[in-house]
């Protein structure tokens, strides 16, 4: 079944499949588990950006309590 913005329903998809679409609400889970490997850090940051910019009005991002002590370097903002 293809995504239809006029249908009132929950839609689950990967960030890769969300490119070009917009949603009223976006929930991104497990962002603390993003890959911090130097080779993949840029790609993780791009996917995070794509996911975040899909939300028109509400964005909820969650992370596990297990990751609180060692957050992903992709999420850190350097001054």
N, C-alpha and C. Protein backbone atom coordinates (compact mmCIF):
# COMPACT_ATOMS: atom_id res chain seq x y z
N UNK A 1 0.84 -1.17 0.00
CA UNK A 1 0.00 0.00 0.00
C UNK A 1 0.89 1.24 0.00
N UNK A 2 0.63 2.17 -0.85
CA UNK A 2 1.42 3.40 -0.96
C UNK A 2 0.94 4.42 0.06
N UNK A 3 1.83 5.32 0.45
CA UNK A 3 1.50 6.38 1.41
C UNK A 3 0.52 7.35 0.78
N UNK A 4 -0.53 7.69 1.53
CA UNK A 4 -1.52 8.67 1.09
C UNK A 4 -1.73 9.66 2.22
N UNK A 5 -1.37 10.91 2.01
CA UNK A 5 -1.45 11.93 3.06
C UNK A 5 -2.89 12.25 3.48
N UNK A 6 -3.86 11.88 2.67
CA UNK A 6 -5.26 12.17 2.99
C UNK A 6 -5.89 11.12 3.91
N UNK A 7 -5.23 9.98 4.07
CA UNK A 7 -5.74 8.90 4.92
C UNK A 7 -5.24 9.12 6.34
N UNK A 8 -6.17 9.08 7.32
CA UNK A 8 -5.82 9.24 8.73
C UNK A 8 -5.32 7.90 9.26
N UNK A 9 -4.00 7.69 9.22
CA UNK A 9 -3.44 6.42 9.64
C UNK A 9 -1.99 6.61 10.08
N UNK A 10 -1.52 5.64 10.84
CA UNK A 10 -0.12 5.62 11.26
C UNK A 10 0.70 5.00 10.13
N UNK A 11 1.80 5.63 9.78
CA UNK A 11 2.66 5.12 8.73
C UNK A 11 4.04 4.86 9.29
N UNK A 12 4.52 3.63 9.20
CA UNK A 12 5.87 3.27 9.63
C UNK A 12 6.74 3.11 8.40
N UNK A 13 7.90 3.73 8.42
CA UNK A 13 8.82 3.59 7.30
C UNK A 13 10.23 3.92 7.75
N UNK A 14 11.19 3.55 6.94
CA UNK A 14 12.58 3.91 7.22
C UNK A 14 12.81 5.35 6.79
N UNK A 15 13.85 5.95 7.31
CA UNK A 15 14.20 7.32 6.91
C UNK A 15 14.49 7.36 5.41
N UNK A 16 15.11 6.32 4.90
CA UNK A 16 15.42 6.28 3.47
C UNK A 16 14.17 6.42 2.61
N UNK A 17 13.08 5.78 3.05
CA UNK A 17 11.83 5.83 2.29
C UNK A 17 11.05 7.12 2.48
N UNK A 18 11.45 7.95 3.43
CA UNK A 18 10.70 9.18 3.72
C UNK A 18 11.15 10.38 2.89
N UNK A 19 12.21 10.23 2.14
CA UNK A 19 12.72 11.36 1.36
C UNK A 19 11.65 11.89 0.41
N UNK A 20 11.46 13.20 0.43
CA UNK A 20 10.49 13.84 -0.44
C UNK A 20 9.09 13.91 0.14
N UNK A 21 8.86 13.26 1.28
CA UNK A 21 7.54 13.28 1.92
C UNK A 21 7.58 14.17 3.14
N UNK A 22 6.42 14.68 3.55
CA UNK A 22 6.29 15.47 4.77
C UNK A 22 5.13 14.92 5.58
N UNK A 23 5.26 15.01 6.91
CA UNK A 23 4.24 14.49 7.80
C UNK A 23 3.96 15.51 8.89
N UNK A 24 2.73 15.52 9.38
CA UNK A 24 2.35 16.42 10.47
C UNK A 24 3.21 16.13 11.71
N UNK A 25 3.35 14.84 12.03
CA UNK A 25 4.12 14.40 13.20
C UNK A 25 5.14 13.36 12.78
N UNK A 26 6.34 13.47 13.33
CA UNK A 26 7.40 12.49 13.08
C UNK A 26 7.96 12.05 14.42
N UNK A 27 8.09 10.73 14.60
CA UNK A 27 8.71 10.16 15.79
C UNK A 27 9.93 9.37 15.33
N UNK A 28 11.09 9.74 15.85
CA UNK A 28 12.33 9.03 15.53
C UNK A 28 12.83 8.37 16.80
N UNK A 29 12.96 7.04 16.77
CA UNK A 29 13.36 6.32 17.97
C UNK A 29 14.79 5.80 17.85
N UNK A 30 15.44 5.64 18.99
CA UNK A 30 16.77 5.03 19.03
C UNK A 30 17.87 5.84 18.39
N UNK A 31 17.77 7.16 18.42
CA UNK A 31 18.79 7.95 17.74
C UNK A 31 20.14 7.89 18.45
N UNK A 32 20.17 7.48 19.70
CA UNK A 32 21.43 7.33 20.42
C UNK A 32 22.24 6.14 19.92
N UNK A 33 21.62 5.30 19.12
CA UNK A 33 22.30 4.12 18.60
C UNK A 33 22.86 4.35 17.21
N UNK A 34 22.94 5.61 16.80
CA UNK A 34 23.48 5.91 15.48
C UNK A 34 24.94 5.51 15.42
N UNK A 35 25.39 5.13 14.24
CA UNK A 35 26.76 4.67 14.05
C UNK A 35 27.74 5.83 14.19
N UNK A 36 28.71 5.69 15.09
CA UNK A 36 29.72 6.73 15.30
C UNK A 36 31.02 6.45 14.57
N UNK A 37 31.04 5.41 13.80
CA UNK A 37 32.23 5.08 13.03
C UNK A 37 32.55 6.26 12.10
N UNK A 38 33.80 6.72 12.10
CA UNK A 38 34.18 7.90 11.30
C UNK A 38 33.71 7.79 9.86
N UNK A 39 33.83 6.61 9.29
CA UNK A 39 33.47 6.43 7.88
C UNK A 39 31.97 6.62 7.65
N UNK A 40 31.15 6.33 8.66
CA UNK A 40 29.71 6.40 8.49
C UNK A 40 29.07 7.56 9.24
N UNK A 41 29.86 8.35 9.91
CA UNK A 41 29.31 9.45 10.73
C UNK A 41 28.59 10.49 9.88
N UNK A 42 29.15 10.85 8.73
CA UNK A 42 28.51 11.83 7.85
C UNK A 42 27.17 11.32 7.32
N UNK A 43 27.14 10.04 6.95
CA UNK A 43 25.89 9.46 6.45
C UNK A 43 24.84 9.43 7.55
N UNK A 44 25.24 9.11 8.79
CA UNK A 44 24.30 9.12 9.92
C UNK A 44 23.75 10.52 10.13
N UNK A 45 24.59 11.53 10.03
CA UNK A 45 24.15 12.92 10.21
C UNK A 45 23.18 13.33 9.10
N UNK A 46 23.43 12.90 7.87
CA UNK A 46 22.53 13.20 6.75
C UNK A 46 21.16 12.56 6.97
N UNK A 47 21.16 11.29 7.39
CA UNK A 47 19.89 10.60 7.63
C UNK A 47 19.12 11.24 8.78
N UNK A 48 19.83 11.67 9.81
CA UNK A 48 19.18 12.36 10.93
C UNK A 48 18.52 13.64 10.43
N UNK A 49 19.22 14.39 9.60
CA UNK A 49 18.68 15.63 9.04
C UNK A 49 17.43 15.35 8.20
N UNK A 50 17.50 14.33 7.35
CA UNK A 50 16.35 13.98 6.51
C UNK A 50 15.15 13.64 7.38
N UNK A 51 15.36 12.82 8.40
CA UNK A 51 14.27 12.44 9.28
C UNK A 51 13.66 13.64 10.00
N UNK A 52 14.52 14.52 10.50
CA UNK A 52 14.05 15.69 11.25
C UNK A 52 13.26 16.65 10.36
N UNK A 53 13.66 16.81 9.15
CA UNK A 53 13.01 17.78 8.26
C UNK A 53 11.74 17.24 7.62
N UNK A 54 11.35 16.00 7.92
CA UNK A 54 10.08 15.45 7.41
C UNK A 54 8.91 15.98 8.22
N UNK A 55 9.17 16.46 9.46
CA UNK A 55 8.09 16.90 10.35
C UNK A 55 7.65 18.32 9.99
N UNK A 56 6.36 18.49 9.76
CA UNK A 56 5.81 19.81 9.49
C UNK A 56 5.54 20.57 10.79
N UNK A 57 5.06 19.85 11.82
CA UNK A 57 4.63 20.52 13.03
C UNK A 57 5.27 19.96 14.30
N UNK A 58 5.29 18.64 14.44
CA UNK A 58 5.77 18.01 15.67
C UNK A 58 6.89 17.01 15.37
N UNK A 59 7.96 17.07 16.16
CA UNK A 59 9.07 16.12 16.04
C UNK A 59 9.40 15.59 17.42
N UNK A 60 9.37 14.27 17.57
CA UNK A 60 9.74 13.62 18.82
C UNK A 60 10.90 12.69 18.53
N UNK A 61 12.00 12.88 19.25
CA UNK A 61 13.19 12.04 19.09
C UNK A 61 13.47 11.37 20.42
N UNK A 62 13.69 10.05 20.39
CA UNK A 62 13.94 9.32 21.62
C UNK A 62 15.28 8.60 21.58
N UNK A 63 15.79 8.35 22.77
CA UNK A 63 17.05 7.62 22.92
C UNK A 63 16.93 6.73 24.14
N UNK A 64 17.60 5.64 24.15
CA UNK A 64 17.57 4.71 25.27
C UNK A 64 18.36 5.26 26.45
N UNK A 65 17.91 4.95 27.66
CA UNK A 65 18.64 5.34 28.87
C UNK A 65 20.03 4.75 28.91
N UNK A 66 20.23 3.62 28.22
CA UNK A 66 21.55 2.99 28.17
C UNK A 66 22.57 3.85 27.44
N UNK A 67 22.11 4.74 26.60
CA UNK A 67 23.01 5.57 25.80
C UNK A 67 23.26 6.94 26.42
N UNK A 68 22.59 7.24 27.53
CA UNK A 68 22.70 8.56 28.15
C UNK A 68 24.13 8.89 28.57
N UNK A 69 24.87 7.89 29.05
CA UNK A 69 26.22 8.16 29.54
C UNK A 69 27.22 8.33 28.41
N UNK A 70 26.89 7.82 27.25
CA UNK A 70 27.80 7.89 26.12
C UNK A 70 27.00 8.22 24.85
N UNK A 71 26.56 9.47 24.70
CA UNK A 71 25.74 9.83 23.54
C UNK A 71 26.52 9.71 22.23
N UNK A 72 25.78 9.53 21.18
CA UNK A 72 26.37 9.44 19.85
C UNK A 72 27.11 10.72 19.51
N UNK A 73 28.29 10.61 18.95
CA UNK A 73 29.04 11.80 18.54
C UNK A 73 28.35 12.50 17.39
N UNK A 74 27.54 11.79 16.63
CA UNK A 74 26.79 12.40 15.53
C UNK A 74 25.83 13.46 16.06
N UNK A 75 25.31 13.24 17.27
CA UNK A 75 24.33 14.16 17.84
C UNK A 75 24.97 15.34 18.54
N UNK A 76 26.27 15.30 18.83
CA UNK A 76 26.95 16.37 19.54
C UNK A 76 27.13 17.57 18.63
N UNK A 77 26.93 18.74 19.19
CA UNK A 77 27.13 19.98 18.44
C UNK A 77 28.43 20.61 18.93
N UNK A 78 29.37 20.76 18.04
CA UNK A 78 30.65 21.38 18.38
C UNK A 78 30.54 22.90 18.27
N UNK A 79 31.12 23.64 19.22
CA UNK A 79 31.06 25.12 19.14
C UNK A 79 31.86 25.66 17.97
